Amino acid sequence: MKRGNRIGALVLNPAEPEGFKYIPARMHRRHLLHLLHVLETSPVSYQPHQTRLTDWLRKANDLFKRRSSVFVVSDFMGAFNWTNELSALGQRHETVAVRLFDPAEVSLPIAGLVLLQDSETSEQLLLDTANQRFRTLYAQTVEKREQQLADSFAQAGVDALELSTDEDLASALIRFSELRKRRAWRA
């Protein structure tokens, strides 16, 4: 913001009538504090709901008129029906897909019987995380999903930054900026 850049947000929010909260891009510290307050106080929905990333990307394409830097922050779980919209957003704007993930989702810890609940559907599953057959099947499913994500980001033509919940944010951002520098240098 010290360089005159404007900042805004389009936040998925099931409590809103359209499912989105839009904060137009503006300058100044007061606006930034307002935006951070809205993000901090946005209600968490415990009711079953469906995250519609495709709709969010389409809405972002419609709302953002000026060429912008767009950071799509999501866990990118669910269906892979968002690739075309992410690609369209990436053609008009400098777009970065920021994927948040928990390492326990990738490498399942051995914890015995665990009750898991889907945050969107409220469906509950009782899993035996010590069962080797289940762990093998889970690892294969995770590997397939990781490959699908990488392929989808590549197909959309956007940079992807993966942020782990147990990783230092600064080191992840440094790693990402180095990756972008190398890619720009090769081009």
Protein backbone atom coordinates (compact mmCIF):
# COMPACT_ATOMS: atom_id res chain seq x y z
CA MET A 1 0.00 0.00 0.00
CA LYS A 2 2.98 2.33 0.49
CA ARG A 3 3.51 2.17 -3.27
CA GLY A 4 -0.03 3.31 -4.01
CA ASN A 5 -1.53 -0.12 -4.57
CA ARG A 6 -5.16 -0.70 -3.77
CA ILE A 7 -6.38 -3.73 -1.86
CA GLY A 8 -9.76 -5.45 -1.80
CA ALA A 9 -11.30 -8.86 -1.24
CA LEU A 10 -14.00 -11.21 -2.40
CA VAL A 11 -14.68 -13.62 0.45
CA LEU A 12 -16.73 -16.79 0.23
CA ASN A 13 -19.35 -16.50 2.97
CA PRO A 14 -22.37 -18.83 3.14
CA ALA A 15 -24.14 -16.34 5.43
CA GLU A 16 -24.34 -13.74 2.64
CA PRO A 17 -27.33 -13.87 0.24
CA GLU A 18 -25.09 -14.43 -2.81
CA GLY A 19 -22.58 -16.49 -0.84
CA PHE A 20 -19.91 -13.76 -1.18
CA LYS A 21 -18.77 -10.68 0.71
CA TYR A 22 -17.20 -8.10 -1.63
CA ILE A 23 -14.91 -5.36 -0.37
CA PRO A 24 -13.94 -3.06 -3.26
CA ALA A 25 -10.26 -2.23 -3.72
CA ARG A 26 -9.20 1.02 -2.08
CA MET A 27 -6.08 2.61 -0.66
CA HIS A 28 -5.02 3.78 2.79
CA ARG A 29 -4.36 2.11 6.10
CA ARG A 30 -7.91 2.57 7.38
CA HIS A 31 -9.30 0.54 4.49
CA LEU A 32 -6.75 -2.22 5.13
CA LEU A 33 -7.76 -2.34 8.79
CA HIS A 34 -11.43 -2.53 7.74
CA LEU A 35 -10.68 -5.40 5.37
CA LEU A 36 -8.75 -7.28 8.06
CA HIS A 37 -11.62 -6.71 10.50
CA VAL A 38 -14.14 -8.13 8.04
CA LEU A 39 -11.95 -11.20 7.49
CA GLU A 40 -11.45 -11.66 11.23
CA THR A 41 -15.14 -11.31 12.10
CA SER A 42 -16.65 -13.22 9.18
CA PRO A 43 -18.92 -15.87 10.69
CA VAL A 44 -17.91 -19.49 10.45
CA SER A 45 -20.73 -21.62 9.13
CA TYR A 46 -21.34 -24.85 11.01
CA GLN A 47 -24.41 -25.60 8.92
CA PRO A 48 -24.04 -27.93 5.93
CA HIS A 49 -23.12 -25.85 2.88
CA GLN A 50 -21.35 -26.29 -0.43
CA THR A 51 -18.30 -24.18 -1.24
CA ARG A 52 -18.73 -23.00 -4.82
CA LEU A 53 -15.20 -22.09 -5.91
CA THR A 54 -16.29 -22.01 -9.56
CA ASP A 55 -18.93 -19.37 -8.76
CA TRP A 56 -16.39 -17.34 -6.77
CA LEU A 57 -13.91 -17.35 -9.67
CA ARG A 58 -16.64 -16.37 -12.14
CA LYS A 59 -17.74 -13.53 -9.83
CA ALA A 60 -14.12 -12.36 -9.46
CA ASN A 61 -13.77 -12.28 -13.25
CA ASP A 62 -16.89 -10.11 -13.49
CA LEU A 63 -15.96 -7.74 -10.63
CA PHE A 64 -12.26 -7.08 -11.24
CA LYS A 65 -12.14 -4.64 -14.16
CA ARG A 66 -8.57 -3.37 -13.78
CA ARG A 67 -5.64 -5.70 -14.25
CA SER A 68 -4.83 -6.89 -10.73
CA SER A 69 -2.82 -9.32 -8.67
CA VAL A 70 -5.31 -11.92 -7.49
CA PHE A 71 -4.59 -14.46 -4.76
CA VAL A 72 -7.09 -17.31 -4.66
CA VAL A 73 -6.75 -18.73 -1.13
CA SER A 74 -8.45 -22.10 -0.73
CA ASP A 75 -7.88 -25.73 0.22
CA PHE A 76 -9.06 -26.61 -3.33
CA MET A 77 -10.93 -29.63 -1.98
CA GLY A 78 -13.96 -30.98 -3.78
CA ALA A 79 -14.61 -31.26 -7.48
CA PHE A 80 -12.10 -30.06 -10.07
CA ASN A 81 -14.67 -28.01 -12.00
CA TRP A 82 -12.87 -24.69 -11.44
CA THR A 83 -9.97 -25.03 -13.91
CA ASN A 84 -11.57 -23.07 -16.77
CA GLU A 85 -12.62 -20.18 -14.51
CA LEU A 86 -9.17 -20.06 -12.86
CA SER A 87 -7.60 -20.01 -16.33
CA ALA A 88 -9.87 -17.14 -17.43
CA LEU A 89 -8.95 -15.20 -14.28
CA GLY A 90 -5.26 -15.90 -14.95
CA GLN A 91 -5.50 -14.57 -18.50
CA ARG A 92 -6.79 -11.17 -17.33
CA HIS A 93 -4.91 -10.87 -14.03
CA GLU A 94 -1.68 -11.96 -12.40
CA THR A 95 -3.17 -14.90 -10.49
CA VAL A 96 -1.69 -17.05 -7.75
CA ALA A 97 -3.49 -20.10 -6.37
CA VAL A 98 -2.65 -20.29 -2.65
CA ARG A 99 -3.47 -23.77 -1.39
CA LEU A 100 -3.82 -24.21 2.37
CA PHE A 101 -3.39 -27.74 3.69
CA ASP A 102 -2.85 -29.64 6.91
CA PRO A 103 0.01 -32.18 6.79
CA ALA A 104 -2.23 -34.66 8.64
CA GLU A 105 -4.49 -34.65 5.56
CA VAL A 106 -1.58 -35.68 3.35
CA SER A 107 0.18 -38.14 5.65
CA LEU A 108 -2.43 -39.70 7.91
CA PRO A 109 -1.12 -40.13 11.47
CA ILE A 110 -1.57 -43.48 13.19
CA ALA A 111 -4.14 -42.54 15.84
CA GLY A 112 -6.38 -45.62 16.04
CA LEU A 113 -10.11 -45.02 15.71
CA VAL A 114 -10.87 -41.43 14.70
CA LEU A 115 -14.23 -39.75 14.10
CA LEU A 116 -13.98 -37.25 11.24
CA GLN A 117 -16.63 -34.78 10.13
CA ASP A 118 -16.85 -33.11 6.72
CA SER A 119 -17.07 -29.36 7.33
CA GLU A 120 -19.38 -28.81 4.36
CA THR A 121 -21.77 -31.76 4.47
CA SER A 122 -21.53 -32.58 8.22
CA GLU A 123 -21.12 -36.23 7.21
CA GLN A 124 -19.24 -38.20 9.85
CA LEU A 125 -16.96 -41.19 9.34
CA LEU A 126 -15.34 -43.45 11.91
CA LEU A 127 -11.95 -44.49 10.56
CA ASP A 128 -9.33 -46.91 11.83
CA THR A 129 -6.13 -45.03 11.03
CA ALA A 130 -4.02 -47.97 12.26
CA ASN A 131 -5.41 -50.31 9.58
CA GLN A 132 -2.63 -50.83 7.01
CA ARG A 133 -5.01 -51.56 4.13
CA PHE A 134 -6.89 -48.32 4.80
CA ARG A 135 -3.62 -46.36 5.11
CA THR A 136 -2.40 -47.73 1.75
CA LEU A 137 -5.68 -46.86 0.02
CA TYR A 138 -5.65 -43.40 1.64
CA ALA A 139 -2.05 -42.75 0.50
CA GLN A 140 -2.95 -43.73 -3.07
CA THR A 141 -5.99 -41.45 -3.02
CA VAL A 142 -3.94 -38.53 -1.69
CA GLU A 143 -1.22 -39.09 -4.31
CA LYS A 144 -3.83 -39.12 -7.09
CA ARG A 145 -5.45 -35.94 -5.75
CA GLU A 146 -2.09 -34.14 -5.45
CA GLN A 147 -1.35 -35.00 -9.09
CA GLN A 148 -4.81 -33.78 -10.16
CA LEU A 149 -4.20 -30.49 -8.32
CA ALA A 150 -0.79 -29.99 -9.93
CA ASP A 151 -2.25 -30.79 -13.37
CA SER A 152 -5.19 -28.42 -12.81
CA PHE A 153 -2.94 -25.52 -11.80
CA ALA A 154 -0.70 -26.18 -14.80
CA GLN A 155 -3.71 -26.41 -17.13
CA ALA A 156 -5.07 -23.14 -15.74
CA GLY A 157 -1.65 -21.53 -16.30
CA VAL A 158 -1.38 -19.99 -12.83
CA ASP A 159 1.32 -20.10 -10.20
CA ALA A 160 0.56 -22.20 -7.14
CA LEU A 161 1.79 -21.61 -3.62
CA GLU A 162 1.20 -24.35 -1.07
CA LEU A 163 1.01 -23.28 2.57
CA SER A 164 1.10 -25.90 5.26
CA THR A 165 -0.54 -25.18 8.60
CA ASP A 166 2.69 -26.19 10.37
CA GLU A 167 5.08 -24.33 8.06
CA ASP A 168 6.67 -20.95 8.65
CA LEU A 169 4.83 -18.44 6.44
CA ALA A 170 7.97 -16.40 5.75
CA SER A 171 9.95 -19.38 4.42
CA ALA A 172 7.04 -20.41 2.18
CA LEU A 173 6.82 -16.91 0.71
CA ILE A 174 10.59 -16.79 0.13
CA ARG A 175 10.46 -20.20 -1.59
CA PHE A 176 7.60 -18.99 -3.78
CA SER A 177 9.35 -15.75 -4.76
CA GLU A 178 12.50 -17.72 -5.69
CA LEU A 179 10.41 -20.02 -7.88
CA ARG A 180 8.88 -17.04 -9.68
CA LYS A 181 12.30 -15.41 -10.17
CA ARG A 182 13.68 -18.60 -11.73
CA ARG A 183 10.69 -18.90 -14.04
CA ALA A 184 10.98 -15.25 -15.13
CA TRP A 185 14.70 -15.72 -15.72
CA ARG A 186 14.07 -18.77 -17.95
CA ALA A 187 11.48 -16.85 -19.96
